[in-house]
């Protein structure tokens, strides 16, 4: 039986020096023993289809991007009548949600990423406007969805929510 005494639990930035050497050991253990969830192409396509359906029913012309957990595009969508420049905005919203671990409408310029070091984030690829959501499975952020092009951020957000409802 394994026991983790409560007094041995620390935020990663507050681990006492005497326990620092265990950070890598614990990380390696979980990398080797915890199955990695992935969004996958099929689920990403279902999400893009859900956005297409919601946007069409709502009379919205949008672009959307679904990213995997590494920030690579799995699915893209640009509805007729949408400026293709919105595709990059959708990508940047999704990347921001993936990197910071929260929906982009919750982000502020002073926001700090939940799990990543700020230095590991490509700041040129971050857009802190409503319309990006992380895709979470258990405690893992396995991807993100971003939508841009609707007249309001609230409509971009609703498109994202339609996508999340499809998975």
C-alpha atoms as a PDB file:
ATOM      1  CA  UNK A   1       0.000   0.000   0.000  1.00  0.00           C
ATOM      2  CA  UNK A   2       1.316   3.465  -0.962  1.00  0.00           C
ATOM      3  CA  UNK A   3       0.645   6.418   1.276  1.00  0.00           C
ATOM      4  CA  UNK A   4       1.276  10.065   0.461  1.00  0.00           C
ATOM      5  CA  UNK A   5       1.248  12.077   3.665  1.00  0.00           C
ATOM      6  CA  UNK A   6      -0.553  15.381   3.232  1.00  0.00           C
ATOM      7  CA  UNK A   7       2.396  17.359   4.579  1.00  0.00           C
ATOM      8  CA  UNK A   8       4.445  16.124   1.598  1.00  0.00           C
ATOM      9  CA  UNK A   9       2.234  17.756  -1.062  1.00  0.00           C
ATOM     10  CA  UNK A  10       3.551  21.038  -2.473  1.00  0.00           C
ATOM     11  CA  UNK A  11       2.991  23.287  -5.447  1.00  0.00           C
ATOM     12  CA  UNK A  12       5.797  22.713  -7.931  1.00  0.00           C
ATOM     13  CA  UNK A  13       7.177  26.196  -7.250  1.00  0.00           C
ATOM     14  CA  UNK A  14       7.220  25.615  -3.470  1.00  0.00           C
ATOM     15  CA  UNK A  15       8.954  22.220  -3.212  1.00  0.00           C
ATOM     16  CA  UNK A  16      11.595  22.423  -0.456  1.00  0.00           C
ATOM     17  CA  UNK A  17      15.187  21.835  -1.554  1.00  0.00           C
ATOM     18  CA  UNK A  18      15.333  18.475   0.234  1.00  0.00           C
ATOM     19  CA  UNK A  19      12.544  17.108  -2.006  1.00  0.00           C
ATOM     20  CA  UNK A  20      13.632  18.652  -5.337  1.00  0.00           C
ATOM     21  CA  UNK A  21      15.298  15.458  -6.548  1.00  0.00           C
ATOM     22  CA  UNK A  22      11.943  13.640  -6.406  1.00  0.00           C
ATOM     23  CA  UNK A  23      10.249  15.921  -8.951  1.00  0.00           C
ATOM     24  CA  UNK A  24      11.949  14.162 -11.880  1.00  0.00           C
ATOM     25  CA  UNK A  25      11.419  10.719 -10.359  1.00  0.00           C
ATOM     26  CA  UNK A  26       7.684  11.340  -9.955  1.00  0.00           C
ATOM     27  CA  UNK A  27       7.368  12.828 -13.438  1.00  0.00           C
ATOM     28  CA  UNK A  28       9.158   9.842 -14.996  1.00  0.00           C
ATOM     29  CA  UNK A  29       6.946   7.417 -13.068  1.00  0.00           C
ATOM     30  CA  UNK A  30       3.748   9.042 -14.326  1.00  0.00           C
ATOM     31  CA  UNK A  31       5.024   9.360 -17.908  1.00  0.00           C
ATOM     32  CA  UNK A  32       5.739   5.616 -17.924  1.00  0.00           C
ATOM     33  CA  UNK A  33       2.673   4.395 -16.057  1.00  0.00           C
ATOM     34  CA  UNK A  34      -0.179   6.723 -16.888  1.00  0.00           C
ATOM     35  CA  UNK A  35      -1.822   6.120 -20.250  1.00  0.00           C
ATOM     36  CA  UNK A  36      -1.782   9.258 -22.388  1.00  0.00           C
ATOM     37  CA  UNK A  37      -5.181  10.389 -23.647  1.00  0.00           C
ATOM     38  CA  UNK A  38      -5.338  11.856 -27.135  1.00  0.00           C
ATOM     39  CA  UNK A  39      -8.041  13.725 -28.977  1.00  0.00           C
ATOM     40  CA  UNK A  40      -7.441  11.904 -32.277  1.00  0.00           C
ATOM     41  CA  UNK A  41      -8.448  12.852 -35.796  1.00  0.00           C
ATOM     42  CA  UNK A  42     -11.909  11.300 -35.673  1.00  0.00           C
ATOM     43  CA  UNK A  43     -12.956  13.226 -32.560  1.00  0.00           C
ATOM     44  CA  UNK A  44     -11.427  16.418 -33.966  1.00  0.00           C
ATOM     45  CA  UNK A  45     -13.478  15.976 -37.142  1.00  0.00           C
ATOM     46  CA  UNK A  46     -16.660  15.455 -35.081  1.00  0.00           C
ATOM     47  CA  UNK A  47     -15.887  18.684 -33.241  1.00  0.00           C
ATOM     48  CA  UNK A  48     -15.387  20.594 -36.502  1.00  0.00           C
ATOM     49  CA  UNK A  49     -18.654  19.131 -37.820  1.00  0.00           C
ATOM     50  CA  UNK A  50     -20.445  20.277 -34.658  1.00  0.00           C
ATOM     51  CA  UNK A  51     -19.107  23.796 -35.158  1.00  0.00           C
ATOM     52  CA  UNK A  52     -20.200  23.726 -38.805  1.00  0.00           C
ATOM     53  CA  UNK A  53     -23.711  22.637 -37.818  1.00  0.00           C
ATOM     54  CA  UNK A  54     -24.098  25.170 -35.008  1.00  0.00           C
ATOM     55  CA  UNK A  55     -22.661  28.045 -37.050  1.00  0.00           C
ATOM     56  CA  UNK A  56     -24.849  27.215 -40.051  1.00  0.00           C
ATOM     57  CA  UNK A  57     -28.012  27.050 -37.919  1.00  0.00           C
ATOM     58  CA  UNK A  58     -27.033  30.352 -36.282  1.00  0.00           C
ATOM     59  CA  UNK A  59     -26.176  32.116 -39.547  1.00  0.00           C
ATOM     60  CA  UNK A  60     -22.509  32.542 -38.585  1.00  0.00           C
ATOM     61  CA  UNK A  61     -19.490  32.464 -40.885  1.00  0.00           C
ATOM     62  CA  UNK A  62     -16.517  31.258 -38.834  1.00  0.00           C
ATOM     63  CA  UNK A  63     -13.169  29.527 -39.016  1.00  0.00           C
ATOM     64  CA  UNK A  64     -12.200  26.884 -36.472  1.00  0.00           C
ATOM     65  CA  UNK A  65      -9.151  24.872 -35.477  1.00  0.00           C
ATOM     66  CA  UNK A  66      -8.840  21.763 -33.295  1.00  0.00           C
ATOM     67  CA  UNK A  67      -5.362  21.156 -31.881  1.00  0.00           C
ATOM     68  CA  UNK A  68      -3.874  18.055 -30.297  1.00  0.00           C
ATOM     69  CA  UNK A  69      -2.041  18.176 -26.961  1.00  0.00           C
ATOM     70  CA  UNK A  70       1.200  19.220 -28.683  1.00  0.00           C
ATOM     71  CA  UNK A  71      -0.418  22.171 -30.471  1.00  0.00           C
ATOM     72  CA  UNK A  72      -0.587  20.524 -33.901  1.00  0.00           C
ATOM     73  CA  UNK A  73      -3.675  21.011 -36.055  1.00  0.00           C
ATOM     74  CA  UNK A  74      -5.954  17.995 -36.287  1.00  0.00           C
ATOM     75  CA  UNK A  75      -8.917  19.666 -37.980  1.00  0.00           C
ATOM     76  CA  UNK A  76      -9.630  23.019 -39.580  1.00  0.00           C
ATOM     77  CA  UNK A  77     -12.795  24.604 -40.860  1.00  0.00           C
ATOM     78  CA  UNK A  78     -13.486  27.816 -42.761  1.00  0.00           C
ATOM     79  CA  UNK A  79     -17.113  28.311 -43.700  1.00  0.00           C
ATOM     80  CA  UNK A  80     -18.048  30.048 -46.952  1.00  0.00           C
ATOM     81  CA  UNK A  81     -17.962  33.806 -46.645  1.00  0.00           C
ATOM     82  CA  UNK A  82     -15.330  33.803 -43.898  1.00  0.00           C
ATOM     83  CA  UNK A  83     -12.069  35.685 -44.349  1.00  0.00           C
ATOM     84  CA  UNK A  84      -9.329  33.046 -44.194  1.00  0.00           C
ATOM     85  CA  UNK A  85      -7.327  35.344 -41.844  1.00  0.00           C
ATOM     86  CA  UNK A  86      -9.707  34.166 -39.141  1.00  0.00           C
ATOM     87  CA  UNK A  87      -8.147  30.696 -39.400  1.00  0.00           C
ATOM     88  CA  UNK A  88      -4.922  31.999 -37.818  1.00  0.00           C
ATOM     89  CA  UNK A  89      -6.945  33.766 -35.119  1.00  0.00           C
ATOM     90  CA  UNK A  90      -8.790  30.520 -34.358  1.00  0.00           C
ATOM     91  CA  UNK A  91      -5.446  28.705 -34.176  1.00  0.00           C
ATOM     92  CA  UNK A  92      -4.031  31.331 -31.789  1.00  0.00           C
ATOM     93  CA  UNK A  93      -7.095  31.148 -29.546  1.00  0.00           C
ATOM     94  CA  UNK A  94      -6.857  27.344 -29.425  1.00  0.00           C
ATOM     95  CA  UNK A  95      -3.120  27.509 -28.711  1.00  0.00           C
ATOM     96  CA  UNK A  96      -3.692  30.015 -25.886  1.00  0.00           C
ATOM     97  CA  UNK A  97      -6.347  27.758 -24.330  1.00  0.00           C
ATOM     98  CA  UNK A  98      -4.038  24.749 -24.655  1.00  0.00           C
ATOM     99  CA  UNK A  99      -1.039  26.588 -23.216  1.00  0.00           C
ATOM    100  CA  UNK A 100      -2.809  28.296 -20.329  1.00  0.00           C
ATOM    101  CA  UNK A 101      -5.236  25.466 -19.558  1.00  0.00           C
ATOM    102  CA  UNK A 102      -8.342  27.667 -19.425  1.00  0.00           C
ATOM    103  CA  UNK A 103     -10.864  29.182 -21.813  1.00  0.00           C
ATOM    104  CA  UNK A 104      -9.472  32.276 -23.483  1.00  0.00           C
ATOM    105  CA  UNK A 105     -12.291  34.560 -22.325  1.00  0.00           C
ATOM    106  CA  UNK A 106     -10.952  33.954 -18.789  1.00  0.00           C
ATOM    107  CA  UNK A 107      -7.409  35.097 -19.662  1.00  0.00           C
ATOM    108  CA  UNK A 108      -5.951  38.495 -18.849  1.00  0.00           C
ATOM    109  CA  UNK A 109      -2.561  39.948 -19.864  1.00  0.00           C
ATOM    110  CA  UNK A 110      -1.335  39.139 -16.341  1.00  0.00           C
ATOM    111  CA  UNK A 111      -2.487  35.491 -16.537  1.00  0.00           C
ATOM    112  CA  UNK A 112       0.047  32.760 -15.839  1.00  0.00           C
ATOM    113  CA  UNK A 113      -0.113  29.281 -17.388  1.00  0.00           C
ATOM    114  CA  UNK A 114      -1.416  26.594 -15.030  1.00  0.00           C
ATOM    115  CA  UNK A 115       1.018  23.821 -15.977  1.00  0.00           C
ATOM    116  CA  UNK A 116       3.643  25.179 -18.358  1.00  0.00           C
ATOM    117  CA  UNK A 117       6.506  27.546 -17.794  1.00  0.00           C
ATOM    118  CA  UNK A 118       5.845  30.864 -19.549  1.00  0.00           C
ATOM    119  CA  UNK A 119       9.117  30.448 -21.465  1.00  0.00           C
ATOM    120  CA  UNK A 120       7.812  27.288 -23.161  1.00  0.00           C
ATOM    121  CA  UNK A 121       4.875  29.137 -24.748  1.00  0.00           C
ATOM    122  CA  UNK A 122       5.158  30.717 -28.194  1.00  0.00           C
ATOM    123  CA  UNK A 123       3.874  34.205 -27.338  1.00  0.00           C
ATOM    124  CA  UNK A 124       3.399  35.025 -31.050  1.00  0.00           C
ATOM    125  CA  UNK A 125       0.802  32.262 -31.204  1.00  0.00           C
ATOM    126  CA  UNK A 126      -1.302  33.423 -28.229  1.00  0.00           C
ATOM    127  CA  UNK A 127      -4.552  35.370 -28.674  1.00  0.00           C
ATOM    128  CA  UNK A 128      -6.391  36.187 -25.451  1.00  0.00           C
ATOM    129  CA  UNK A 129      -9.844  36.781 -26.901  1.00  0.00           C
ATOM    130  CA  UNK A 130     -12.965  34.729 -26.266  1.00  0.00           C
ATOM    131  CA  UNK A 131     -13.320  31.710 -28.522  1.00  0.00           C
ATOM    132  CA  UNK A 132     -10.699  29.223 -27.332  1.00  0.00           C
ATOM    133  CA  UNK A 133     -11.275  26.257 -25.005  1.00  0.00           C
ATOM    134  CA  UNK A 134      -8.983  23.519 -23.731  1.00  0.00           C
ATOM    135  CA  UNK A 135     -10.128  19.939 -24.280  1.00  0.00           C
ATOM    136  CA  UNK A 136      -9.747  18.158 -20.966  1.00  0.00           C
ATOM    137  CA  UNK A 137      -9.856  14.442 -20.174  1.00  0.00           C
ATOM    138  CA  UNK A 138      -9.616  13.754 -16.460  1.00  0.00           C
ATOM    139  CA  UNK A 139      -6.765  15.969 -15.297  1.00  0.00           C
ATOM    140  CA  UNK A 140      -5.079  16.113 -18.722  1.00  0.00           C
ATOM    141  CA  UNK A 141      -5.415  18.847 -21.313  1.00  0.00           C
ATOM    142  CA  UNK A 142      -5.409  16.743 -24.481  1.00  0.00           C
ATOM    143  CA  UNK A 143      -6.102  19.451 -27.030  1.00  0.00           C
ATOM    144  CA  UNK A 144      -7.934  22.688 -27.672  1.00  0.00           C
ATOM    145  CA  UNK A 145     -10.500  24.238 -29.970  1.00  0.00           C
ATOM    146  CA  UNK A 146     -10.525  27.786 -31.277  1.00  0.00           C
ATOM    147  CA  UNK A 147     -13.146  29.698 -33.254  1.00  0.00           C
ATOM    148  CA  UNK A 148     -12.925  33.135 -34.870  1.00  0.00           C
ATOM    149  CA  UNK A 149     -14.954  35.196 -37.301  1.00  0.00           C
ATOM    150  CA  UNK A 150     -18.327  35.506 -35.603  1.00  0.00           C
ATOM    151  CA  UNK A 151     -19.527  39.081 -34.999  1.00  0.00           C
ATOM    152  CA  UNK A 152     -19.032  38.700 -31.225  1.00  0.00           C
ATOM    153  CA  UNK A 153     -16.755  36.737 -28.901  1.00  0.00           C
ATOM    154  CA  UNK A 154     -19.886  35.290 -27.275  1.00  0.00           C
ATOM    155  CA  UNK A 155     -20.805  33.634 -30.584  1.00  0.00           C
ATOM    156  CA  UNK A 156     -17.275  32.273 -31.031  1.00  0.00           C
ATOM    157  CA  UNK A 157     -17.588  30.862 -27.492  1.00  0.00           C
ATOM    158  CA  UNK A 158     -20.924  29.190 -28.271  1.00  0.00           C
ATOM    159  CA  UNK A 159     -19.356  27.554 -31.338  1.00  0.00           C
ATOM    160  CA  UNK A 160     -16.577  26.172 -29.109  1.00  0.00           C
ATOM    161  CA  UNK A 161     -19.148  24.888 -26.653  1.00  0.00           C
ATOM    162  CA  UNK A 162     -20.968  23.104 -29.485  1.00  0.00           C
ATOM    163  CA  UNK A 163     -17.678  21.395 -30.378  1.00  0.00           C
ATOM    164  CA  UNK A 164     -17.023  20.349 -26.782  1.00  0.00           C
ATOM    165  CA  UNK A 165     -20.538  18.926 -26.598  1.00  0.00           C
ATOM    166  CA  UNK A 166     -19.666  16.613 -29.491  1.00  0.00           C
ATOM    167  CA  UNK A 167     -16.885  14.788 -27.617  1.00  0.00           C
END
